[in-house]
Amino acid sequence: MKEQNKKTRRYTTAQIVQLVDYMSNHSELASSRFSSPISNDKLDCQWEALAKILEKHGPKKTVAQWKIV
């Protein structure tokens, strides 16, 4: 029964390291601000790219779930 009560990790330490590194190198994603008129498309593409990187280091999440993290 104790196995069932254990919480599963939502993300790994490696994922958080990758997330912080990506955000520090892509400040426009961290601030959600782009200077072009097609900013939403660029923003979505950046989040998709980040989600693919993070997927390699632990549990898979959707873009919406990563935005919450």
PDB file of N, CA and C in Angstrom:
ATOM      1  N   MET A   1       0.803  -1.205   0.000  1.00  0.00           N
ATOM      2  CA  MET A   1       0.000   0.000   0.000  1.00  0.00           C
ATOM      3  C   MET A   1       0.845   1.267   0.000  1.00  0.00           C
ATOM      4  N   LYS A   2       1.985   1.212   0.617  1.00  0.00           N
ATOM      5  CA  LYS A   2       2.831   2.395   0.665  1.00  0.00           C
ATOM      6  C   LYS A   2       3.264   2.826  -0.721  1.00  0.00           C
ATOM      7  N   GLU A   3       3.456   1.863  -1.626  1.00  0.00           N
ATOM      8  CA  GLU A   3       3.845   2.189  -2.997  1.00  0.00           C
ATOM      9  C   GLU A   3       2.781   3.031  -3.683  1.00  0.00           C
ATOM     10  N   GLN A   4       1.518   2.764  -3.418  1.00  0.00           N
ATOM     11  CA  GLN A   4       0.430   3.507  -4.045  1.00  0.00           C
ATOM     12  C   GLN A   4       0.323   4.923  -3.504  1.00  0.00           C
ATOM     13  N   ASN A   5       0.743   5.141  -2.269  1.00  0.00           N
ATOM     14  CA  ASN A   5       0.621   6.447  -1.638  1.00  0.00           C
ATOM     15  C   ASN A   5       1.764   7.389  -2.005  1.00  0.00           C
ATOM     16  N   LYS A   6       2.826   6.858  -2.603  1.00  0.00           N
ATOM     17  CA  LYS A   6       3.952   7.710  -2.970  1.00  0.00           C
ATOM     18  C   LYS A   6       3.547   8.660  -4.080  1.00  0.00           C
ATOM     19  N   LYS A   7       3.974   9.896  -3.935  1.00  0.00           N
ATOM     20  CA  LYS A   7       3.722  10.879  -4.983  1.00  0.00           C
ATOM     21  C   LYS A   7       4.744  10.691  -6.095  1.00  0.00           C
ATOM     22  N   THR A   8       4.291  10.835  -7.317  1.00  0.00           N
ATOM     23  CA  THR A   8       5.224  10.774  -8.430  1.00  0.00           C
ATOM     24  C   THR A   8       5.807  12.158  -8.635  1.00  0.00           C
ATOM     25  N   ARG A   9       7.043  12.183  -9.068  1.00  0.00           N
ATOM     26  CA  ARG A   9       7.689  13.470  -9.325  1.00  0.00           C
ATOM     27  C   ARG A   9       7.055  14.126 -10.524  1.00  0.00           C
ATOM     28  N   ARG A  10       6.861  15.397 -10.418  1.00  0.00           N
ATOM     29  CA  ARG A  10       6.272  16.150 -11.516  1.00  0.00           C
ATOM     30  C   ARG A  10       7.301  16.490 -12.570  1.00  0.00           C
ATOM     31  N   TYR A  11       8.549  16.630 -12.145  1.00  0.00           N
ATOM     32  CA  TYR A  11       9.644  16.947 -13.047  1.00  0.00           C
ATOM     33  C   TYR A  11      10.943  16.561 -12.362  1.00  0.00           C
ATOM     34  N   THR A  12      11.977  16.415 -13.141  1.00  0.00           N
ATOM     35  CA  THR A  12      13.273  16.031 -12.595  1.00  0.00           C
ATOM     36  C   THR A  12      14.155  17.261 -12.402  1.00  0.00           C
ATOM     37  N   THR A  13      15.199  17.071 -11.638  1.00  0.00           N
ATOM     38  CA  THR A  13      16.168  18.146 -11.441  1.00  0.00           C
ATOM     39  C   THR A  13      16.801  18.529 -12.773  1.00  0.00           C
ATOM     40  N   ALA A  14      17.076  17.530 -13.600  1.00  0.00           N
ATOM     41  CA  ALA A  14      17.666  17.800 -14.917  1.00  0.00           C
ATOM     42  C   ALA A  14      16.732  18.656 -15.766  1.00  0.00           C
ATOM     43  N   GLN A  15      15.444  18.415 -15.675  1.00  0.00           N
ATOM     44  CA  GLN A  15      14.481  19.222 -16.429  1.00  0.00           C
ATOM     45  C   GLN A  15      14.485  20.661 -15.954  1.00  0.00           C
ATOM     46  N   ILE A  16      14.555  20.873 -14.657  1.00  0.00           N
ATOM     47  CA  ILE A  16      14.569  22.237 -14.124  1.00  0.00           C
ATOM     48  C   ILE A  16      15.844  22.958 -14.564  1.00  0.00           C
ATOM     49  N   VAL A  17      16.971  22.259 -14.540  1.00  0.00           N
ATOM     50  CA  VAL A  17      18.232  22.859 -14.985  1.00  0.00           C
ATOM     51  C   VAL A  17      18.111  23.269 -16.448  1.00  0.00           C
ATOM     52  N   GLN A  18      17.566  22.390 -17.285  1.00  0.00           N
ATOM     53  CA  GLN A  18      17.389  22.694 -18.700  1.00  0.00           C
ATOM     54  C   GLN A  18      16.407  23.854 -18.900  1.00  0.00           C
ATOM     55  N   LEU A  19      15.346  23.869 -18.123  1.00  0.00           N
ATOM     56  CA  LEU A  19      14.339  24.937 -18.208  1.00  0.00           C
ATOM     57  C   LEU A  19      14.956  26.293 -17.876  1.00  0.00           C
ATOM     58  N   VAL A  20      15.696  26.358 -16.796  1.00  0.00           N
ATOM     59  CA  VAL A  20      16.333  27.613 -16.383  1.00  0.00           C
ATOM     60  C   VAL A  20      17.360  28.055 -17.421  1.00  0.00           C
ATOM     61  N   ASP A  21      18.136  27.107 -17.916  1.00  0.00           N
ATOM     62  CA  ASP A  21      19.141  27.434 -18.925  1.00  0.00           C
ATOM     63  C   ASP A  21      18.478  27.974 -20.197  1.00  0.00           C
ATOM     64  N   TYR A  22      17.422  27.322 -20.640  1.00  0.00           N
ATOM     65  CA  TYR A  22      16.728  27.749 -21.854  1.00  0.00           C
ATOM     66  C   TYR A  22      16.121  29.137 -21.670  1.00  0.00           C
ATOM     67  N   MET A  23      15.492  29.350 -20.526  1.00  0.00           N
ATOM     68  CA  MET A  23      14.872  30.649 -20.257  1.00  0.00           C
ATOM     69  C   MET A  23      15.906  31.764 -20.167  1.00  0.00           C
ATOM     70  N   SER A  24      17.071  31.452 -19.611  1.00  0.00           N
ATOM     71  CA  SER A  24      18.104  32.494 -19.504  1.00  0.00           C
ATOM     72  C   SER A  24      18.671  32.849 -20.874  1.00  0.00           C
ATOM     73  N   ASN A  25      18.669  31.896 -21.793  1.00  0.00           N
ATOM     74  CA  ASN A  25      19.162  32.157 -23.143  1.00  0.00           C
ATOM     75  C   ASN A  25      18.081  32.673 -24.092  1.00  0.00           C
ATOM     76  N   HIS A  26      16.839  32.579 -23.690  1.00  0.00           N
ATOM     77  CA  HIS A  26      15.710  33.039 -24.513  1.00  0.00           C
ATOM     78  C   HIS A  26      14.821  33.939 -23.649  1.00  0.00           C
ATOM     79  N   SER A  27      15.319  35.103 -23.326  1.00  0.00           N
ATOM     80  CA  SER A  27      14.616  36.000 -22.413  1.00  0.00           C
ATOM     81  C   SER A  27      13.248  36.424 -22.939  1.00  0.00           C
ATOM     82  N   GLU A  28      13.085  36.455 -24.264  1.00  0.00           N
ATOM     83  CA  GLU A  28      11.785  36.820 -24.825  1.00  0.00           C
ATOM     84  C   GLU A  28      10.726  35.778 -24.468  1.00  0.00           C
ATOM     85  N   LEU A  29      11.128  34.524 -24.324  1.00  0.00           N
ATOM     86  CA  LEU A  29      10.182  33.482 -23.914  1.00  0.00           C
ATOM     87  C   LEU A  29       9.836  33.641 -22.439  1.00  0.00           C
ATOM     88  N   ALA A  30      10.832  33.916 -21.631  1.00  0.00           N
ATOM     89  CA  ALA A  30      10.609  34.083 -20.197  1.00  0.00           C
ATOM     90  C   ALA A  30       9.675  35.251 -19.900  1.00  0.00           C
ATOM     91  N   SER A  31       9.788  36.316 -20.708  1.00  0.00           N
ATOM     92  CA  SER A  31       8.937  37.484 -20.487  1.00  0.00           C
ATOM     93  C   SER A  31       7.664  37.445 -21.328  1.00  0.00           C
ATOM     94  N   SER A  32       7.580  36.449 -22.228  1.00  0.00           N
ATOM     95  CA  SER A  32       6.440  36.299 -23.149  1.00  0.00           C
ATOM     96  C   SER A  32       6.275  37.518 -24.050  1.00  0.00           C
ATOM     97  N   ARG A  33       7.376  38.141 -24.396  1.00  0.00           N
ATOM     98  CA  ARG A  33       7.322  39.334 -25.251  1.00  0.00           C
ATOM     99  C   ARG A  33       8.203  39.158 -26.472  1.00  0.00           C
ATOM    100  N   PHE A  34       7.613  39.352 -27.613  1.00  0.00           N
ATOM    101  CA  PHE A  34       8.333  39.343 -28.874  1.00  0.00           C
ATOM    102  C   PHE A  34       8.058  40.668 -29.559  1.00  0.00           C
ATOM    103  N   SER A  35       8.982  41.110 -30.361  1.00  0.00           N
ATOM    104  CA  SER A  35       8.833  42.423 -30.989  1.00  0.00           C
ATOM    105  C   SER A  35       8.197  42.366 -32.374  1.00  0.00           C
ATOM    106  N   SER A  36       7.858  41.183 -32.854  1.00  0.00           N
ATOM    107  CA  SER A  36       7.280  41.075 -34.190  1.00  0.00           C
ATOM    108  C   SER A  36       5.773  40.867 -34.122  1.00  0.00           C
ATOM    109  N   PRO A  37       5.073  41.149 -35.216  1.00  0.00           N
ATOM    110  CA  PRO A  37       3.623  40.989 -35.220  1.00  0.00           C
ATOM    111  C   PRO A  37       3.156  39.537 -35.122  1.00  0.00           C
ATOM    112  N   ILE A  38       4.011  38.597 -35.454  1.00  0.00           N
ATOM    113  CA  ILE A  38       3.619  37.195 -35.351  1.00  0.00           C
ATOM    114  C   ILE A  38       4.145  36.580 -34.055  1.00  0.00           C
ATOM    115  N   SER A  39       4.084  37.340 -33.011  1.00  0.00           N
ATOM    116  CA  SER A  39       4.677  36.941 -31.740  1.00  0.00           C
ATOM    117  C   SER A  39       4.055  35.671 -31.157  1.00  0.00           C
ATOM    118  N   ASN A  40       2.769  35.501 -31.277  1.00  0.00           N
ATOM    119  CA  ASN A  40       2.145  34.307 -30.709  1.00  0.00           C
ATOM    120  C   ASN A  40       2.656  33.040 -31.373  1.00  0.00           C
ATOM    121  N   ASP A  41       2.870  33.079 -32.683  1.00  0.00           N
ATOM    122  CA  ASP A  41       3.411  31.917 -33.381  1.00  0.00           C
ATOM    123  C   ASP A  41       4.831  31.613 -32.915  1.00  0.00           C
ATOM    124  N   LYS A  42       5.643  32.653 -32.778  1.00  0.00           N
ATOM    125  CA  LYS A  42       7.011  32.463 -32.300  1.00  0.00           C
ATOM    126  C   LYS A  42       7.023  31.942 -30.874  1.00  0.00           C
ATOM    127  N   LEU A  43       6.148  32.488 -30.063  1.00  0.00           N
ATOM    128  CA  LEU A  43       6.060  32.062 -28.672  1.00  0.00           C
ATOM    129  C   LEU A  43       5.686  30.588 -28.588  1.00  0.00           C
ATOM    130  N   ASP A  44       4.693  30.169 -29.368  1.00  0.00           N
ATOM    131  CA  ASP A  44       4.273  28.770 -29.382  1.00  0.00           C
ATOM    132  C   ASP A  44       5.397  27.858 -29.858  1.00  0.00           C
ATOM    133  N   CYS A  45       6.123  28.285 -30.880  1.00  0.00           N
ATOM    134  CA  CYS A  45       7.247  27.486 -31.402  1.00  0.00           C
ATOM    135  C   CYS A  45       8.346  27.336 -30.357  1.00  0.00           C
ATOM    136  N   GLN A  46       8.631  28.400 -29.628  1.00  0.00           N
ATOM    137  CA  GLN A  46       9.647  28.339 -28.577  1.00  0.00           C
ATOM    138  C   GLN A  46       9.232  27.366 -27.476  1.00  0.00           C
ATOM    139  N   TRP A  47       7.967  27.424 -27.069  1.00  0.00           N
ATOM    140  CA  TRP A  47       7.481  26.517 -26.033  1.00  0.00           C
ATOM    141  C   TRP A  47       7.526  25.065 -26.499  1.00  0.00           C
ATOM    142  N   GLU A  48       7.181  24.823 -27.757  1.00  0.00           N
ATOM    143  CA  GLU A  48       7.248  23.470 -28.307  1.00  0.00           C
ATOM    144  C   GLU A  48       8.685  22.956 -28.302  1.00  0.00           C
ATOM    145  N   ALA A  49       9.615  23.801 -28.710  1.00  0.00           N
ATOM    146  CA  ALA A  49      11.029  23.414 -28.723  1.00  0.00           C
ATOM    147  C   ALA A  49      11.512  23.104 -27.313  1.00  0.00           C
ATOM    148  N   LEU A  50      11.132  23.941 -26.369  1.00  0.00           N
ATOM    149  CA  LEU A  50      11.529  23.723 -24.980  1.00  0.00           C
ATOM    150  C   LEU A  50      10.930  22.428 -24.444  1.00  0.00           C
ATOM    151  N   ALA A  51       9.672  22.161 -24.727  1.00  0.00           N
ATOM    152  CA  ALA A  51       9.019  20.938 -24.258  1.00  0.00           C
ATOM    153  C   ALA A  51       9.729  19.694 -24.797  1.00  0.00           C
ATOM    154  N   LYS A  52      10.175  19.744 -26.047  1.00  0.00           N
ATOM    155  CA  LYS A  52      10.907  18.610 -26.628  1.00  0.00           C
ATOM    156  C   LYS A  52      12.238  18.392 -25.936  1.00  0.00           C
ATOM    157  N   ILE A  53      12.914  19.468 -25.589  1.00  0.00           N
ATOM    158  CA  ILE A  53      14.185  19.359 -24.872  1.00  0.00           C
ATOM    159  C   ILE A  53      13.956  18.753 -23.494  1.00  0.00           C
ATOM    160  N   LEU A  54      12.952  19.236 -22.805  1.00  0.00           N
ATOM    161  CA  LEU A  54      12.684  18.769 -21.445  1.00  0.00           C
ATOM    162  C   LEU A  54      12.203  17.326 -21.415  1.00  0.00           C
ATOM    163  N   GLU A  55      11.529  16.902 -22.459  1.00  0.00           N
ATOM    164  CA  GLU A  55      11.013  15.537 -22.555  1.00  0.00           C
ATOM    165  C   GLU A  55      12.158  14.514 -22.514  1.00  0.00           C
ATOM    166  N   LYS A  56      13.323  14.907 -22.999  1.00  0.00           N
ATOM    167  CA  LYS A  56      14.484  14.007 -23.024  1.00  0.00           C
ATOM    168  C   LYS A  56      15.044  13.750 -21.631  1.00  0.00           C
ATOM    169  N   HIS A  57      14.691  14.582 -20.661  1.00  0.00           N
ATOM    170  CA  HIS A  57      15.293  14.515 -19.331  1.00  0.00           C
ATOM    171  C   HIS A  57      14.339  14.050 -18.237  1.00  0.00           C
ATOM    172  N   GLY A  58      13.146  13.624 -18.597  1.00  0.00           N
ATOM    173  CA  GLY A  58      12.231  13.161 -17.563  1.00  0.00           C
ATOM    174  C   GLY A  58      10.820  13.014 -18.075  1.00  0.00           C
ATOM    175  N   PRO A  59       9.844  13.094 -17.159  1.00  0.00           N
ATOM    176  CA  PRO A  59       8.442  12.897 -17.533  1.00  0.00           C
ATOM    177  C   PRO A  59       7.973  13.864 -18.613  1.00  0.00           C
ATOM    178  N   LYS A  60       7.148  13.347 -19.501  1.00  0.00           N
ATOM    179  CA  LYS A  60       6.608  14.166 -20.588  1.00  0.00           C
ATOM    180  C   LYS A  60       5.463  15.015 -20.060  1.00  0.00           C
ATOM    181  N   LYS A  61       5.454  16.273 -20.476  1.00  0.00           N
ATOM    182  CA  LYS A  61       4.389  17.204 -20.119  1.00  0.00           C
ATOM    183  C   LYS A  61       3.971  17.960 -21.371  1.00  0.00           C
ATOM    184  N   THR A  62       2.783  18.503 -21.330  1.00  0.00           N
ATOM    185  CA  THR A  62       2.325  19.349 -22.420  1.00  0.00           C
ATOM    186  C   THR A  62       2.926  20.741 -22.254  1.00  0.00           C
ATOM    187  N   VAL A  63       2.818  21.547 -23.288  1.00  0.00           N
ATOM    188  CA  VAL A  63       3.295  22.927 -23.212  1.00  0.00           C
ATOM    189  C   VAL A  63       2.554  23.666 -22.103  1.00  0.00           C
ATOM    190  N   ALA A  64       1.262  23.460 -22.011  1.00  0.00           N
ATOM    191  CA  ALA A  64       0.468  24.116 -20.962  1.00  0.00           C
ATOM    192  C   ALA A  64       0.969  23.741 -19.569  1.00  0.00           C
ATOM    193  N   GLN A  65       1.343  22.482 -19.379  1.00  0.00           N
ATOM    194  CA  GLN A  65       1.857  22.050 -18.085  1.00  0.00           C
ATOM    195  C   GLN A  65       3.213  22.675 -17.794  1.00  0.00           C
ATOM    196  N   TRP A  66       4.078  22.803 -18.805  1.00  0.00           N
ATOM    197  CA  TRP A  66       5.385  23.427 -18.590  1.00  0.00           C
ATOM    198  C   TRP A  66       5.244  24.911 -18.291  1.00  0.00           C
ATOM    199  N   LYS A  67       4.252  25.546 -18.862  1.00  0.00           N
ATOM    200  CA  LYS A  67       4.053  26.969 -18.577  1.00  0.00           C
ATOM    201  C   LYS A  67       3.734  27.193 -17.103  1.00  0.00           C
ATOM    202  N   ILE A  68       3.063  26.255 -16.494  1.00  0.00           N
ATOM    203  CA  ILE A  68       2.738  26.351 -15.068  1.00  0.00           C
ATOM    204  C   ILE A  68       4.001  26.173 -14.218  1.00  0.00           C
ATOM    205  N   VAL A  69       4.857  25.238 -14.618  1.00  0.00           N
ATOM    206  CA  VAL A  69       6.099  24.996 -13.887  1.00  0.00           C
ATOM    207  C   VAL A  69       6.937  26.258 -13.896  1.00  0.00           C
TER     208      VAL A  69
END
